[in-house]
C-alpha atoms as a PDB file:
ATOM      1  CA  MET A   1       0.000   0.000   0.000  1.00  0.00           C
ATOM      2  CA  CYS A   2       2.804   2.422   0.855  1.00  0.00           C
ATOM      3  CA  ALA A   3       4.549   1.798  -2.480  1.00  0.00           C
ATOM      4  CA  LYS A   4       1.337   2.613  -4.396  1.00  0.00           C
ATOM      5  CA  LEU A   5       0.940   5.923  -2.570  1.00  0.00           C
ATOM      6  CA  GLU A   6       4.586   6.772  -3.216  1.00  0.00           C
ATOM      7  CA  ARG A   7       4.222   6.092  -6.972  1.00  0.00           C
ATOM      8  CA  LYS A   8       1.084   8.241  -7.073  1.00  0.00           C
ATOM      9  CA  ARG A   9       2.918  11.149  -5.399  1.00  0.00           C
ATOM     10  CA  VAL A  10       5.811  10.886  -7.864  1.00  0.00           C
ATOM     11  CA  LYS A  11       3.378  11.013 -10.788  1.00  0.00           C
ATOM     12  CA  GLU A  12       1.634  14.040  -9.278  1.00  0.00           C
ATOM     13  CA  LYS A  13       4.964  15.837  -8.791  1.00  0.00           C
ATOM     14  CA  GLN A  14       6.035  15.080 -12.361  1.00  0.00           C
ATOM     15  CA  GLY A  15       2.730  16.421 -13.648  1.00  0.00           C
ATOM     16  CA  ARG A  16       3.134  19.630 -11.646  1.00  0.00           C
ATOM     17  CA  LEU A  17       6.664  20.150 -12.886  1.00  0.00           C
ATOM     18  CA  SER A  18       5.647  19.852 -16.512  1.00  0.00           C
ATOM     19  CA  PHE A  19       2.708  22.205 -15.870  1.00  0.00           C
ATOM     20  CA  VAL A  20       5.012  24.759 -14.203  1.00  0.00           C
ATOM     21  CA  ASP A  21       7.567  24.485 -17.021  1.00  0.00           C
ATOM     22  CA  ASP A  22       4.810  25.022 -19.570  1.00  0.00           C
ATOM     23  CA  LEU A  23       3.481  28.029 -17.647  1.00  0.00           C
ATOM     24  CA  LEU A  24       6.933  29.595 -17.325  1.00  0.00           C
ATOM     25  CA  TYR A  25       7.489  29.143 -21.065  1.00  0.00           C
ATOM     26  CA  LYS A  26       4.229  30.936 -21.827  1.00  0.00           C
ATOM     27  CA  LEU A  27       5.031  33.763 -19.393  1.00  0.00           C
ATOM     28  CA  ALA A  28       8.642  34.191 -20.545  1.00  0.00           C
ATOM     29  CA  PRO A  29       9.279  37.569 -22.156  1.00  0.00           C
ATOM     30  CA  LYS A  30       9.140  37.536 -25.936  1.00  0.00           C
ATOM     31  CA  PRO A  31      11.149  39.935 -28.111  1.00  0.00           C
ATOM     32  CA  LEU A  32       9.362  43.268 -28.445  1.00  0.00           C
ATOM     33  CA  VAL A  33      10.313  43.756 -32.095  1.00  0.00           C
ATOM     34  CA  LYS A  34      10.212  41.671 -35.260  1.00  0.00           C
ATOM     35  CA  GLU A  35      12.619  41.521 -38.161  1.00  0.00           C
ATOM     36  CA  GLY A  36      11.720  44.249 -40.663  1.00  0.00           C
ATOM     37  CA  ASP A  37      10.056  46.606 -38.131  1.00  0.00           C
ATOM     38  CA  VAL A  38      10.786  50.325 -38.608  1.00  0.00           C
ATOM     39  CA  LEU A  39      11.173  52.318 -35.389  1.00  0.00           C
ATOM     40  CA  LYS A  40      12.177  55.794 -34.281  1.00  0.00           C
ATOM     41  CA  VAL A  41      14.621  55.508 -31.370  1.00  0.00           C
ATOM     42  CA  LYS A  42      17.110  57.562 -29.382  1.00  0.00           C
ATOM     43  CA  VAL A  43      20.659  56.246 -28.925  1.00  0.00           C
ATOM     44  CA  THR A  44      21.227  56.239 -25.164  1.00  0.00           C
ATOM     45  CA  GLU A  45      24.518  54.327 -24.946  1.00  0.00           C
ATOM     46  CA  THR A  46      27.551  53.530 -27.077  1.00  0.00           C
ATOM     47  CA  THR A  47      29.964  50.603 -26.935  1.00  0.00           C
ATOM     48  CA  ILE A  48      33.753  50.633 -27.241  1.00  0.00           C
ATOM     49  CA  ASP A  49      33.349  49.727 -30.936  1.00  0.00           C
ATOM     50  CA  LYS A  50      31.197  52.866 -31.454  1.00  0.00           C
ATOM     51  CA  VAL A  51      28.003  50.895 -31.870  1.00  0.00           C
ATOM     52  CA  GLY A  52      24.974  52.813 -30.620  1.00  0.00           C
ATOM     53  CA  VAL A  53      22.525  51.170 -28.255  1.00  0.00           C
ATOM     54  CA  ALA A  54      18.835  52.023 -27.945  1.00  0.00           C
ATOM     55  CA  ARG A  55      16.539  50.338 -25.457  1.00  0.00           C
ATOM     56  CA  ILE A  56      12.862  49.509 -25.326  1.00  0.00           C
ATOM     57  CA  GLY A  57      12.432  48.694 -21.648  1.00  0.00           C
ATOM     58  CA  LEU A  58      15.237  46.208 -20.974  1.00  0.00           C
ATOM     59  CA  PHE A  59      15.331  45.049 -24.608  1.00  0.00           C
ATOM     60  CA  LYS A  60      18.563  46.175 -26.297  1.00  0.00           C
ATOM     61  CA  ILE A  61      18.856  47.256 -29.939  1.00  0.00           C
ATOM     62  CA  SER A  62      22.393  47.635 -31.334  1.00  0.00           C
ATOM     63  CA  ILE A  63      22.805  50.131 -34.188  1.00  0.00           C
ATOM     64  CA  PRO A  64      26.196  50.518 -35.913  1.00  0.00           C
ATOM     65  CA  ASN A  65      27.490  53.921 -37.126  1.00  0.00           C
ATOM     66  CA  THR A  66      25.510  56.066 -34.691  1.00  0.00           C
ATOM     67  CA  ASN A  67      26.421  58.665 -32.060  1.00  0.00           C
ATOM     68  CA  LEU A  68      25.221  59.131 -28.511  1.00  0.00           C
ATOM     69  CA  GLY A  69      22.016  61.195 -28.287  1.00  0.00           C
ATOM     70  CA  GLU A  70      20.984  60.749 -31.937  1.00  0.00           C
ATOM     71  CA  GLU A  71      17.267  60.307 -32.656  1.00  0.00           C
ATOM     72  CA  ILE A  72      17.032  58.128 -35.755  1.00  0.00           C
ATOM     73  CA  LYS A  73      14.771  55.816 -37.739  1.00  0.00           C
ATOM     74  CA  ILE A  74      15.960  52.220 -37.853  1.00  0.00           C
ATOM     75  CA  ARG A  75      14.945  48.969 -39.512  1.00  0.00           C
ATOM     76  CA  ILE A  76      15.384  45.776 -37.493  1.00  0.00           C
ATOM     77  CA  LYS A  77      17.674  43.333 -39.318  1.00  0.00           C
ATOM     78  CA  ALA A  78      17.982  40.470 -36.802  1.00  0.00           C
ATOM     79  CA  VAL A  79      16.295  39.536 -33.531  1.00  0.00           C
ATOM     80  CA  SER A  80      17.348  37.199 -30.710  1.00  0.00           C
ATOM     81  CA  GLU A  81      15.739  36.604 -27.328  1.00  0.00           C
ATOM     82  CA  GLU A  82      17.710  39.352 -25.565  1.00  0.00           C
ATOM     83  CA  GLU A  83      18.655  41.864 -28.229  1.00  0.00           C
ATOM     84  CA  ALA A  84      18.175  43.023 -31.800  1.00  0.00           C
ATOM     85  CA  LEU A  85      20.363  44.465 -34.543  1.00  0.00           C
ATOM     86  CA  GLY A  86      19.111  47.534 -36.361  1.00  0.00           C
ATOM     87  CA  GLU A  87      20.296  49.548 -39.348  1.00  0.00           C
ATOM     88  CA  LYS A  88      20.013  53.296 -39.700  1.00  0.00           C
ATOM     89  CA  ILE A  89      17.667  54.439 -42.454  1.00  0.00           C
ATOM     90  CA  GLY A  90      17.186  57.942 -43.806  1.00  0.00           C
END
């Protein structure tokens, strides 16, 4: 009898873990931009390589050939989970 209860508890725990994993996946932050989006942003940071960085919340967009404080239009070229690469247009 004890072994049956133990097996049932293990199954319940496994079910909860998969439910929690599924829930966390659904709640995980998704990128705020898509490839091809056109945005107007302000460069708020620069890197050592003189790549400008704009942010939307905590999401980072790297933009080459820009200066600190510039307000520019960009097109998103590539997107990952944590950051995006943009190109200056106009």
